[in-house]
């Protein structure tokens, strides 16, 4: 996986608002989304603001879950960042198309 490639698409789909306690079992549609990204599905890629895989579909995908919080005023003043994020853990393990067909 190209570094940051899926993070870009995760940020794009991050607007889906997964609850902090969300698990993949709570969101069965997510596995289909990952498979369609691996396939390079045009209808699915059209859902994203920017195609994170413009040259070819990715060989692998995974999803990490981040906890986003508003930056405090000093961080905002120093960096211009509105958000501070912290890795909460792995949401969906790394898979490939060959793996998803098993």
PDB file of N, CA and C in Angstrom:
ATOM      1  N   UNK A   1       0.852  -1.179   0.000  1.00  0.00           N
ATOM      2  CA  UNK A   1       0.000   0.000   0.000  1.00  0.00           C
ATOM      3  C   UNK A   1       0.888   1.230   0.000  1.00  0.00           C
ATOM      4  N   UNK A   2       0.566   2.169  -0.854  1.00  0.00           N
ATOM      5  CA  UNK A   2       1.319   3.420  -0.861  1.00  0.00           C
ATOM      6  C   UNK A   2       1.038   4.150   0.438  1.00  0.00           C
ATOM      7  N   UNK A   3       2.079   4.637   1.069  1.00  0.00           N
ATOM      8  CA  UNK A   3       1.924   5.313   2.353  1.00  0.00           C
ATOM      9  C   UNK A   3       0.966   6.482   2.235  1.00  0.00           C
ATOM     10  N   UNK A   4      -0.030   6.483   3.086  1.00  0.00           N
ATOM     11  CA  UNK A   4      -0.971   7.586   3.123  1.00  0.00           C
ATOM     12  C   UNK A   4      -2.096   7.482   2.117  1.00  0.00           C
ATOM     13  N   UNK A   5      -2.019   6.530   1.186  1.00  0.00           N
ATOM     14  CA  UNK A   5      -3.034   6.464   0.141  1.00  0.00           C
ATOM     15  C   UNK A   5      -4.406   6.192   0.724  1.00  0.00           C
ATOM     16  N   UNK A   6      -4.497   5.183   1.545  1.00  0.00           N
ATOM     17  CA  UNK A   6      -5.815   4.902   2.095  1.00  0.00           C
ATOM     18  C   UNK A   6      -6.190   5.893   3.182  1.00  0.00           C
ATOM     19  N   UNK A   7      -5.207   6.426   3.858  1.00  0.00           N
ATOM     20  CA  UNK A   7      -5.520   7.448   4.860  1.00  0.00           C
ATOM     21  C   UNK A   7      -6.270   8.592   4.192  1.00  0.00           C
ATOM     22  N   UNK A   8      -5.861   8.944   2.987  1.00  0.00           N
ATOM     23  CA  UNK A   8      -6.564   9.990   2.260  1.00  0.00           C
ATOM     24  C   UNK A   8      -8.010   9.596   2.032  1.00  0.00           C
ATOM     25  N   UNK A   9      -8.225   8.367   1.565  1.00  0.00           N
ATOM     26  CA  UNK A   9      -9.600   7.970   1.310  1.00  0.00           C
ATOM     27  C   UNK A   9     -10.361   7.789   2.616  1.00  0.00           C
ATOM     28  N   UNK A  10      -9.695   7.345   3.662  1.00  0.00           N
ATOM     29  CA  UNK A  10     -10.361   7.230   4.958  1.00  0.00           C
ATOM     30  C   UNK A  10     -10.788   8.602   5.446  1.00  0.00           C
ATOM     31  N   UNK A  11      -9.913   9.602   5.251  1.00  0.00           N
ATOM     32  CA  UNK A  11     -10.307  10.962   5.620  1.00  0.00           C
ATOM     33  C   UNK A  11     -11.507  11.397   4.797  1.00  0.00           C
ATOM     34  N   UNK A  12     -11.538  11.004   3.526  1.00  0.00           N
ATOM     35  CA  UNK A  12     -12.668  11.368   2.676  1.00  0.00           C
ATOM     36  C   UNK A  12     -13.949  10.696   3.145  1.00  0.00           C
ATOM     37  N   UNK A  13     -13.834   9.424   3.547  1.00  0.00           N
ATOM     38  CA  UNK A  13     -15.035   8.732   3.996  1.00  0.00           C
ATOM     39  C   UNK A  13     -15.246   8.896   5.491  1.00  0.00           C
ATOM     40  N   UNK A  14     -14.310   9.568   6.147  1.00  0.00           N
ATOM     41  CA  UNK A  14     -14.432   9.779   7.579  1.00  0.00           C
ATOM     42  C   UNK A  14     -15.681  10.534   7.968  1.00  0.00           C
ATOM     43  N   UNK A  15     -16.282  11.195   7.009  1.00  0.00           N
ATOM     44  CA  UNK A  15     -17.506  11.934   7.279  1.00  0.00           C
ATOM     45  C   UNK A  15     -18.670  11.008   7.587  1.00  0.00           C
ATOM     46  N   UNK A  16     -18.461   9.689   7.427  1.00  0.00           N
ATOM     47  CA  UNK A  16     -19.539   8.750   7.739  1.00  0.00           C
ATOM     48  C   UNK A  16     -19.806   8.713   9.238  1.00  0.00           C
ATOM     49  N   UNK A  17     -18.901   9.224  10.048  1.00  0.00           N
ATOM     50  CA  UNK A  17     -19.141   9.386  11.473  1.00  0.00           C
ATOM     51  C   UNK A  17     -19.234   8.092  12.253  1.00  0.00           C
ATOM     52  N   UNK A  18     -18.244   7.233  12.109  1.00  0.00           N
ATOM     53  CA  UNK A  18     -18.259   5.998  12.883  1.00  0.00           C
ATOM     54  C   UNK A  18     -18.131   6.317  14.362  1.00  0.00           C
ATOM     55  N   UNK A  19     -18.995   5.731  15.191  1.00  0.00           N
ATOM     56  CA  UNK A  19     -18.868   5.975  16.619  1.00  0.00           C
ATOM     57  C   UNK A  19     -17.556   5.411  17.150  1.00  0.00           C
ATOM     58  N   UNK A  20     -17.074   5.993  18.204  1.00  0.00           N
ATOM     59  CA  UNK A  20     -15.797   5.579  18.787  1.00  0.00           C
ATOM     60  C   UNK A  20     -15.757   4.102  19.104  1.00  0.00           C
ATOM     61  N   UNK A  21     -16.870   3.545  19.535  1.00  0.00           N
ATOM     62  CA  UNK A  21     -16.928   2.135  19.911  1.00  0.00           C
ATOM     63  C   UNK A  21     -17.230   1.231  18.729  1.00  0.00           C
ATOM     64  N   UNK A  22     -17.258   1.786  17.525  1.00  0.00           N
ATOM     65  CA  UNK A  22     -17.633   1.010  16.346  1.00  0.00           C
ATOM     66  C   UNK A  22     -16.654  -0.129  16.101  1.00  0.00           C
ATOM     67  N   UNK A  23     -17.210  -1.238  15.686  1.00  0.00           N
ATOM     68  CA  UNK A  23     -16.402  -2.373  15.245  1.00  0.00           C
ATOM     69  C   UNK A  23     -16.861  -2.742  13.850  1.00  0.00           C
ATOM     70  N   UNK A  24     -16.070  -3.530  13.178  1.00  0.00           N
ATOM     71  CA  UNK A  24     -16.434  -3.942  11.832  1.00  0.00           C
ATOM     72  C   UNK A  24     -17.743  -4.728  11.862  1.00  0.00           C
ATOM     73  N   UNK A  25     -18.013  -5.452  12.937  1.00  0.00           N
ATOM     74  CA  UNK A  25     -19.275  -6.190  13.053  1.00  0.00           C
ATOM     75  C   UNK A  25     -20.473  -5.240  13.095  1.00  0.00           C
ATOM     76  N   UNK A  26     -20.266  -4.028  13.603  1.00  0.00           N
ATOM     77  CA  UNK A  26     -21.339  -3.031  13.666  1.00  0.00           C
ATOM     78  C   UNK A  26     -21.595  -2.378  12.307  1.00  0.00           C
ATOM     79  N   UNK A  27     -20.665  -2.525  11.374  1.00  0.00           N
ATOM     80  CA  UNK A  27     -20.737  -1.849  10.074  1.00  0.00           C
ATOM     81  C   UNK A  27     -20.388  -2.823   8.947  1.00  0.00           C
ATOM     82  N   UNK A  28     -21.263  -3.791   8.658  1.00  0.00           N
ATOM     83  CA  UNK A  28     -20.932  -4.808   7.650  1.00  0.00           C
ATOM     84  C   UNK A  28     -20.708  -4.237   6.250  1.00  0.00           C
ATOM     85  N   UNK A  29     -21.218  -3.055   5.976  1.00  0.00           N
ATOM     86  CA  UNK A  29     -21.017  -2.424   4.672  1.00  0.00           C
ATOM     87  C   UNK A  29     -19.551  -2.070   4.422  1.00  0.00           C
ATOM     88  N   UNK A  30     -18.786  -1.931   5.503  1.00  0.00           N
ATOM     89  CA  UNK A  30     -17.407  -1.481   5.361  1.00  0.00           C
ATOM     90  C   UNK A  30     -16.547  -2.513   4.641  1.00  0.00           C
ATOM     91  N   UNK A  31     -16.797  -3.807   4.893  1.00  0.00           N
ATOM     92  CA  UNK A  31     -16.041  -4.849   4.201  1.00  0.00           C
ATOM     93  C   UNK A  31     -16.298  -4.771   2.692  1.00  0.00           C
ATOM     94  N   UNK A  32     -17.536  -4.508   2.304  1.00  0.00           N
ATOM     95  CA  UNK A  32     -17.853  -4.343   0.879  1.00  0.00           C
ATOM     96  C   UNK A  32     -17.137  -3.133   0.295  1.00  0.00           C
ATOM     97  N   UNK A  33     -17.090  -2.052   1.052  1.00  0.00           N
ATOM     98  CA  UNK A  33     -16.370  -0.865   0.607  1.00  0.00           C
ATOM     99  C   UNK A  33     -14.906  -1.188   0.352  1.00  0.00           C
ATOM    100  N   UNK A  34     -14.285  -1.890   1.275  1.00  0.00           N
ATOM    101  CA  UNK A  34     -12.870  -2.233   1.114  1.00  0.00           C
ATOM    102  C   UNK A  34     -12.660  -3.106  -0.117  1.00  0.00           C
ATOM    103  N   UNK A  35     -13.537  -4.085  -0.317  1.00  0.00           N
ATOM    104  CA  UNK A  35     -13.414  -4.955  -1.489  1.00  0.00           C
ATOM    105  C   UNK A  35     -13.551  -4.133  -2.772  1.00  0.00           C
ATOM    106  N   UNK A  36     -14.507  -3.241  -2.816  1.00  0.00           N
ATOM    107  CA  UNK A  36     -14.716  -2.429  -4.020  1.00  0.00           C
ATOM    108  C   UNK A  36     -13.534  -1.490  -4.276  1.00  0.00           C
ATOM    109  N   UNK A  37     -12.893  -1.010  -3.235  1.00  0.00           N
ATOM    110  CA  UNK A  37     -11.679  -0.208  -3.423  1.00  0.00           C
ATOM    111  C   UNK A  37     -10.574  -1.049  -4.055  1.00  0.00           C
ATOM    112  N   UNK A  38     -10.438  -2.287  -3.589  1.00  0.00           N
ATOM    113  CA  UNK A  38      -9.439  -3.190  -4.155  1.00  0.00           C
ATOM    114  C   UNK A  38      -9.731  -3.495  -5.625  1.00  0.00           C
ATOM    115  N   UNK A  39     -11.001  -3.553  -5.975  1.00  0.00           N
ATOM    116  CA  UNK A  39     -11.399  -3.830  -7.357  1.00  0.00           C
ATOM    117  C   UNK A  39     -11.307  -2.591  -8.249  1.00  0.00           C
ATOM    118  N   UNK A  40     -11.199  -1.413  -7.629  1.00  0.00           N
ATOM    119  CA  UNK A  40     -11.169  -0.178  -8.401  1.00  0.00           C
ATOM    120  C   UNK A  40     -12.541   0.178  -8.948  1.00  0.00           C
ATOM    121  N   UNK A  41     -13.581  -0.130  -8.214  1.00  0.00           N
ATOM    122  CA  UNK A  41     -14.959   0.103  -8.652  1.00  0.00           C
ATOM    123  C   UNK A  41     -15.225   1.587  -8.916  1.00  0.00           C
ATOM    124  N   UNK A  42     -15.492   1.966 -10.173  1.00  0.00           N
ATOM    125  CA  UNK A  42     -15.759   3.383 -10.480  1.00  0.00           C
ATOM    126  C   UNK A  42     -16.910   3.981  -9.668  1.00  0.00           C
ATOM    127  N   UNK A  43     -18.047   3.281  -9.479  1.00  0.00           N
ATOM    128  CA  UNK A  43     -19.123   3.884  -8.683  1.00  0.00           C
ATOM    129  C   UNK A  43     -18.708   4.169  -7.233  1.00  0.00           C
ATOM    130  N   UNK A  44     -17.881   3.289  -6.675  1.00  0.00           N
ATOM    131  CA  UNK A  44     -17.438   3.495  -5.291  1.00  0.00           C
ATOM    132  C   UNK A  44     -16.407   4.610  -5.225  1.00  0.00           C
ATOM    133  N   UNK A  45     -15.462   4.627  -6.148  1.00  0.00           N
ATOM    134  CA  UNK A  45     -14.452   5.691  -6.158  1.00  0.00           C
ATOM    135  C   UNK A  45     -15.098   7.057  -6.385  1.00  0.00           C
ATOM    136  N   UNK A  46     -16.214   7.083  -7.104  1.00  0.00           N
ATOM    137  CA  UNK A  46     -16.920   8.342  -7.342  1.00  0.00           C
ATOM    138  C   UNK A  46     -17.525   8.910  -6.054  1.00  0.00           C
ATOM    139  N   UNK A  47     -17.676   8.079  -5.034  1.00  0.00           N
ATOM    140  CA  UNK A  47     -18.199   8.544  -3.745  1.00  0.00           C
ATOM    141  C   UNK A  47     -17.169   9.371  -2.979  1.00  0.00           C
ATOM    142  N   UNK A  48     -15.901   9.206  -3.331  1.00  0.00           N
ATOM    143  CA  UNK A  48     -14.823   9.906  -2.644  1.00  0.00           C
ATOM    144  C   UNK A  48     -14.583  11.255  -3.299  1.00  0.00           C
ATOM    145  N   UNK A  49     -14.201  12.215  -2.499  1.00  0.00           N
ATOM    146  CA  UNK A  49     -13.925  13.547  -3.019  1.00  0.00           C
ATOM    147  C   UNK A  49     -12.785  13.526  -4.032  1.00  0.00           C
ATOM    148  N   UNK A  50     -11.745  12.742  -3.745  1.00  0.00           N
ATOM    149  CA  UNK A  50     -10.581  12.600  -4.615  1.00  0.00           C
ATOM    150  C   UNK A  50     -10.258  11.110  -4.701  1.00  0.00           C
ATOM    151  N   UNK A  51     -10.002  10.630  -5.902  1.00  0.00           N
ATOM    152  CA  UNK A  51      -9.618   9.222  -6.071  1.00  0.00           C
ATOM    153  C   UNK A  51      -8.202   9.042  -5.520  1.00  0.00           C
ATOM    154  N   UNK A  52      -8.061   8.294  -4.421  1.00  0.00           N
ATOM    155  CA  UNK A  52      -6.725   8.122  -3.839  1.00  0.00           C
ATOM    156  C   UNK A  52      -5.865   7.125  -4.611  1.00  0.00           C
ATOM    157  N   UNK A  53      -6.449   6.460  -5.597  1.00  0.00           N
ATOM    158  CA  UNK A  53      -5.736   5.456  -6.388  1.00  0.00           C
ATOM    159  C   UNK A  53      -5.928   5.750  -7.880  1.00  0.00           C
ATOM    160  N   UNK A  54      -5.443   6.896  -8.361  1.00  0.00           N
ATOM    161  CA  UNK A  54      -5.757   7.308  -9.733  1.00  0.00           C
ATOM    162  C   UNK A  54      -5.113   6.434 -10.815  1.00  0.00           C
ATOM    163  N   UNK A  55      -3.988   5.800 -10.527  1.00  0.00           N
ATOM    164  CA  UNK A  55      -3.273   5.032 -11.549  1.00  0.00           C
ATOM    165  C   UNK A  55      -3.741   3.589 -11.659  1.00  0.00           C
ATOM    166  N   UNK A  56      -4.058   2.985 -10.510  1.00  0.00           N
ATOM    167  CA  UNK A  56      -4.487   1.582 -10.479  1.00  0.00           C
ATOM    168  C   UNK A  56      -5.050   1.291  -9.084  1.00  0.00           C
ATOM    169  N   UNK A  57      -5.880   0.277  -8.975  1.00  0.00           N
ATOM    170  CA  UNK A  57      -6.394  -0.076  -7.650  1.00  0.00           C
ATOM    171  C   UNK A  57      -5.250  -0.494  -6.727  1.00  0.00           C
ATOM    172  N   UNK A  58      -5.432  -0.323  -5.447  1.00  0.00           N
ATOM    173  CA  UNK A  58      -4.381  -0.721  -4.504  1.00  0.00           C
ATOM    174  C   UNK A  58      -4.258  -2.242  -4.428  1.00  0.00           C
ATOM    175  N   UNK A  59      -3.079  -2.720  -4.041  1.00  0.00           N
ATOM    176  CA  UNK A  59      -2.889  -4.157  -3.820  1.00  0.00           C
ATOM    177  C   UNK A  59      -3.413  -4.563  -2.452  1.00  0.00           C
ATOM    178  N   UNK A  60      -3.307  -3.646  -1.494  1.00  0.00           N
ATOM    179  CA  UNK A  60      -3.731  -3.899  -0.122  1.00  0.00           C
ATOM    180  C   UNK A  60      -4.485  -2.691   0.407  1.00  0.00           C
ATOM    181  N   UNK A  61      -5.413  -2.939   1.302  1.00  0.00           N
ATOM    182  CA  UNK A  61      -6.073  -1.857   2.032  1.00  0.00           C
ATOM    183  C   UNK A  61      -6.185  -2.263   3.500  1.00  0.00           C
ATOM    184  N   UNK A  62      -6.262  -1.278   4.333  1.00  0.00           N
ATOM    185  CA  UNK A  62      -6.537  -1.456   5.758  1.00  0.00           C
ATOM    186  C   UNK A  62      -7.156  -0.146   6.227  1.00  0.00           C
ATOM    187  N   UNK A  63      -7.742  -0.178   7.381  1.00  0.00           N
ATOM    188  CA  UNK A  63      -8.321   1.052   7.924  1.00  0.00           C
ATOM    189  C   UNK A  63      -7.938   1.163   9.392  1.00  0.00           C
ATOM    190  N   UNK A  64      -7.427   2.315   9.733  1.00  0.00           N
ATOM    191  CA  UNK A  64      -7.111   2.620  11.115  1.00  0.00           C
ATOM    192  C   UNK A  64      -8.142   3.606  11.631  1.00  0.00           C
ATOM    193  N   UNK A  65      -8.485   3.458  12.892  1.00  0.00           N
ATOM    194  CA  UNK A  65      -9.469   4.331  13.512  1.00  0.00           C
ATOM    195  C   UNK A  65      -8.743   5.394  14.322  1.00  0.00           C
ATOM    196  N   UNK A  66      -9.122   6.644  14.107  1.00  0.00           N
ATOM    197  CA  UNK A  66      -8.514   7.768  14.817  1.00  0.00           C
ATOM    198  C   UNK A  66      -9.556   8.461  15.678  1.00  0.00           C
ATOM    199  N   UNK A  67      -9.112   8.956  16.794  1.00  0.00           N
ATOM    200  CA  UNK A  67      -9.931   9.783  17.670  1.00  0.00           C
ATOM    201  C   UNK A  67      -9.587  11.234  17.349  1.00  0.00           C
ATOM    202  N   UNK A  68     -10.578  11.990  16.899  1.00  0.00           N
ATOM    203  CA  UNK A  68     -10.377  13.399  16.556  1.00  0.00           C
ATOM    204  C   UNK A  68     -10.938  14.283  17.665  1.00  0.00           C
ATOM    205  N   UNK A  69     -10.180  15.293  18.025  1.00  0.00           N
ATOM    206  CA  UNK A  69     -10.618  16.269  19.017  1.00  0.00           C
ATOM    207  C   UNK A  69     -10.243  17.659  18.513  1.00  0.00           C
ATOM    208  N   UNK A  70     -11.024  18.646  18.925  1.00  0.00           N
ATOM    209  CA  UNK A  70     -10.654  20.011  18.586  1.00  0.00           C
ATOM    210  C   UNK A  70      -9.309  20.349  19.217  1.00  0.00           C
ATOM    211  N   UNK A  71      -8.477  21.032  18.480  1.00  0.00           N
ATOM    212  CA  UNK A  71      -7.206  21.494  19.028  1.00  0.00           C
ATOM    213  C   UNK A  71      -7.477  22.593  20.051  1.00  0.00           C
ATOM    214  N   UNK A  72      -6.641  22.638  21.078  1.00  0.00           N
ATOM    215  CA  UNK A  72      -6.799  23.736  22.039  1.00  0.00           C
ATOM    216  C   UNK A  72      -6.310  25.038  21.387  1.00  0.00           C
ATOM    217  N   UNK A  73      -6.610  26.136  22.016  1.00  0.00           N
ATOM    218  CA  UNK A  73      -6.315  27.437  21.402  1.00  0.00           C
ATOM    219  C   UNK A  73      -4.825  27.661  21.169  1.00  0.00           C
ATOM    220  N   UNK A  74      -3.968  27.168  22.065  1.00  0.00           N
ATOM    221  CA  UNK A  74      -2.530  27.370  21.860  1.00  0.00           C
ATOM    222  C   UNK A  74      -2.017  26.543  20.674  1.00  0.00           C
ATOM    223  N   UNK A  75      -2.514  25.313  20.513  1.00  0.00           N
ATOM    224  CA  UNK A  75      -2.136  24.487  19.367  1.00  0.00           C
ATOM    225  C   UNK A  75      -2.651  25.124  18.083  1.00  0.00           C
ATOM    226  N   UNK A  76      -3.872  25.612  18.137  1.00  0.00           N
ATOM    227  CA  UNK A  76      -4.473  26.271  16.962  1.00  0.00           C
ATOM    228  C   UNK A  76      -3.650  27.496  16.557  1.00  0.00           C
ATOM    229  N   UNK A  77      -3.245  28.296  17.535  1.00  0.00           N
ATOM    230  CA  UNK A  77      -2.462  29.503  17.254  1.00  0.00           C
ATOM    231  C   UNK A  77      -1.075  29.153  16.701  1.00  0.00           C
ATOM    232  N   UNK A  78      -0.460  28.115  17.252  1.00  0.00           N
ATOM    233  CA  UNK A  78       0.901  27.757  16.858  1.00  0.00           C
ATOM    234  C   UNK A  78       0.971  27.025  15.518  1.00  0.00           C
ATOM    235  N   UNK A  79      -0.040  26.206  15.228  1.00  0.00           N
ATOM    236  CA  UNK A  79       0.053  25.344  14.047  1.00  0.00           C
ATOM    237  C   UNK A  79      -1.009  25.627  12.988  1.00  0.00           C
ATOM    238  N   UNK A  80      -2.088  26.278  13.376  1.00  0.00           N
ATOM    239  CA  UNK A  80      -3.189  26.491  12.453  1.00  0.00           C
ATOM    240  C   UNK A  80      -4.123  25.297  12.355  1.00  0.00           C
ATOM    241  N   UNK A  81      -3.829  24.256  13.108  1.00  0.00           N
ATOM    242  CA  UNK A  81      -4.657  23.048  13.064  1.00  0.00           C
ATOM    243  C   UNK A  81      -5.933  23.227  13.868  1.00  0.00           C
ATOM    244  N   UNK A  82      -7.032  22.804  13.264  1.00  0.00           N
ATOM    245  CA  UNK A  82      -8.308  22.807  13.974  1.00  0.00           C
ATOM    246  C   UNK A  82      -8.514  21.507  14.748  1.00  0.00           C
ATOM    247  N   UNK A  83      -7.893  20.429  14.249  1.00  0.00           N
ATOM    248  CA  UNK A  83      -8.096  19.105  14.827  1.00  0.00           C
ATOM    249  C   UNK A  83      -6.777  18.504  15.275  1.00  0.00           C
ATOM    250  N   UNK A  84      -6.854  17.704  16.315  1.00  0.00           N
ATOM    251  CA  UNK A  84      -5.743  16.876  16.768  1.00  0.00           C
ATOM    252  C   UNK A  84      -6.260  15.448  16.722  1.00  0.00           C
ATOM    253  N   UNK A  85      -5.495  14.572  16.116  1.00  0.00           N
ATOM    254  CA  UNK A  85      -5.960  13.191  16.042  1.00  0.00           C
ATOM    255  C   UNK A  85      -4.985  12.266  16.743  1.00  0.00           C
ATOM    256  N   UNK A  86      -5.545  11.185  17.265  1.00  0.00           N
ATOM    257  CA  UNK A  86      -4.752  10.181  17.963  1.00  0.00           C
ATOM    258  C   UNK A  86      -5.207   8.820  17.471  1.00  0.00           C
ATOM    259  N   UNK A  87      -4.254   7.959  17.129  1.00  0.00           N
ATOM    260  CA  UNK A  87      -4.579   6.624  16.661  1.00  0.00           C
ATOM    261  C   UNK A  87      -5.284   5.854  17.773  1.00  0.00           C
ATOM    262  N   UNK A  88      -6.489   5.371  17.470  1.00  0.00           N
ATOM    263  CA  UNK A  88      -7.260   4.596  18.445  1.00  0.00           C
ATOM    264  C   UNK A  88      -7.068   3.094  18.240  1.00  0.00           C
ATOM    265  N   UNK A  89      -6.614   2.703  17.052  1.00  0.00           N
ATOM    266  CA  UNK A  89      -6.361   1.286  16.801  1.00  0.00           C
ATOM    267  C   UNK A  89      -6.703   0.886  15.378  1.00  0.00           C
ATOM    268  N   UNK A  90      -6.539  -0.378  15.113  1.00  0.00           N
ATOM    269  CA  UNK A  90      -6.834  -0.930  13.806  1.00  0.00           C
ATOM    270  C   UNK A  90      -8.333  -1.188  13.711  1.00  0.00           C
ATOM    271  N   UNK A  91      -8.968  -0.674  12.684  1.00  0.00           N
ATOM    272  CA  UNK A  91     -10.401  -0.877  12.490  1.00  0.00           C
ATOM    273  C   UNK A  91     -10.653  -2.056  11.557  1.00  0.00           C
ATOM    274  N   UNK A  92      -9.855  -2.160  10.491  1.00  0.00           N
ATOM    275  CA  UNK A  92     -10.004  -3.231   9.506  1.00  0.00           C
ATOM    276  C   UNK A  92      -8.604  -3.677   9.118  1.00  0.00           C
ATOM    277  N   UNK A  93      -8.297  -4.987   9.244  1.00  0.00           N
ATOM    278  CA  UNK A  93      -6.931  -5.443   8.986  1.00  0.00           C
ATOM    279  C   UNK A  93      -6.543  -5.319   7.518  1.00  0.00           C
ATOM    280  N   UNK A  94      -5.254  -5.335   7.264  1.00  0.00           N
ATOM    281  CA  UNK A  94      -4.758  -5.277   5.889  1.00  0.00           C
ATOM    282  C   UNK A  94      -5.239  -6.510   5.135  1.00  0.00           C
ATOM    283  N   UNK A  95      -5.833  -6.288   3.970  1.00  0.00           N
ATOM    284  CA  UNK A  95      -6.295  -7.381   3.118  1.00  0.00           C
ATOM    285  C   UNK A  95      -5.920  -7.071   1.679  1.00  0.00           C
ATOM    286  N   UNK A  96      -5.907  -8.118   0.877  1.00  0.00           N
ATOM    287  CA  UNK A  96      -5.713  -7.985  -0.563  1.00  0.00           C
ATOM    288  C   UNK A  96      -6.911  -8.617  -1.250  1.00  0.00           C
ATOM    289  N   UNK A  97      -7.024  -8.433  -2.529  1.00  0.00           N
ATOM    290  CA  UNK A  97      -8.121  -9.021  -3.268  1.00  0.00           C
ATOM    291  C   UNK A  97      -8.075 -10.541  -3.176  1.00  0.00           C
ATOM    292  N   UNK A  98      -6.879 -11.108  -3.259  1.00  0.00           N
ATOM    293  CA  UNK A  98      -6.740 -12.567  -3.144  1.00  0.00           C
ATOM    294  C   UNK A  98      -7.216 -13.029  -1.763  1.00  0.00           C
ATOM    295  N   UNK A  99      -6.889 -12.263  -0.730  1.00  0.00           N
ATOM    296  CA  UNK A  99      -7.297 -12.607   0.629  1.00  0.00           C
ATOM    297  C   UNK A  99      -8.802 -12.495   0.810  1.00  0.00           C
ATOM    298  N   UNK A 100      -9.415 -11.498   0.202  1.00  0.00           N
ATOM    299  CA  UNK A 100     -10.850 -11.263   0.414  1.00  0.00           C
ATOM    300  C   UNK A 100     -11.708 -12.306  -0.292  1.00  0.00           C
ATOM    301  N   UNK A 101     -11.113 -13.079  -1.216  1.00  0.00           N
ATOM    302  CA  UNK A 101     -11.861 -14.124  -1.916  1.00  0.00           C
ATOM    303  C   UNK A 101     -11.779 -15.461  -1.208  1.00  0.00           C
ATOM    304  N   UNK A 102     -10.970 -15.563  -0.159  1.00  0.00           N
ATOM    305  CA  UNK A 102     -10.827 -16.829   0.593  1.00  0.00           C
ATOM    306  C   UNK A 102     -12.104 -17.194   1.296  1.00  0.00           C
TER     307      UNK A 102
END
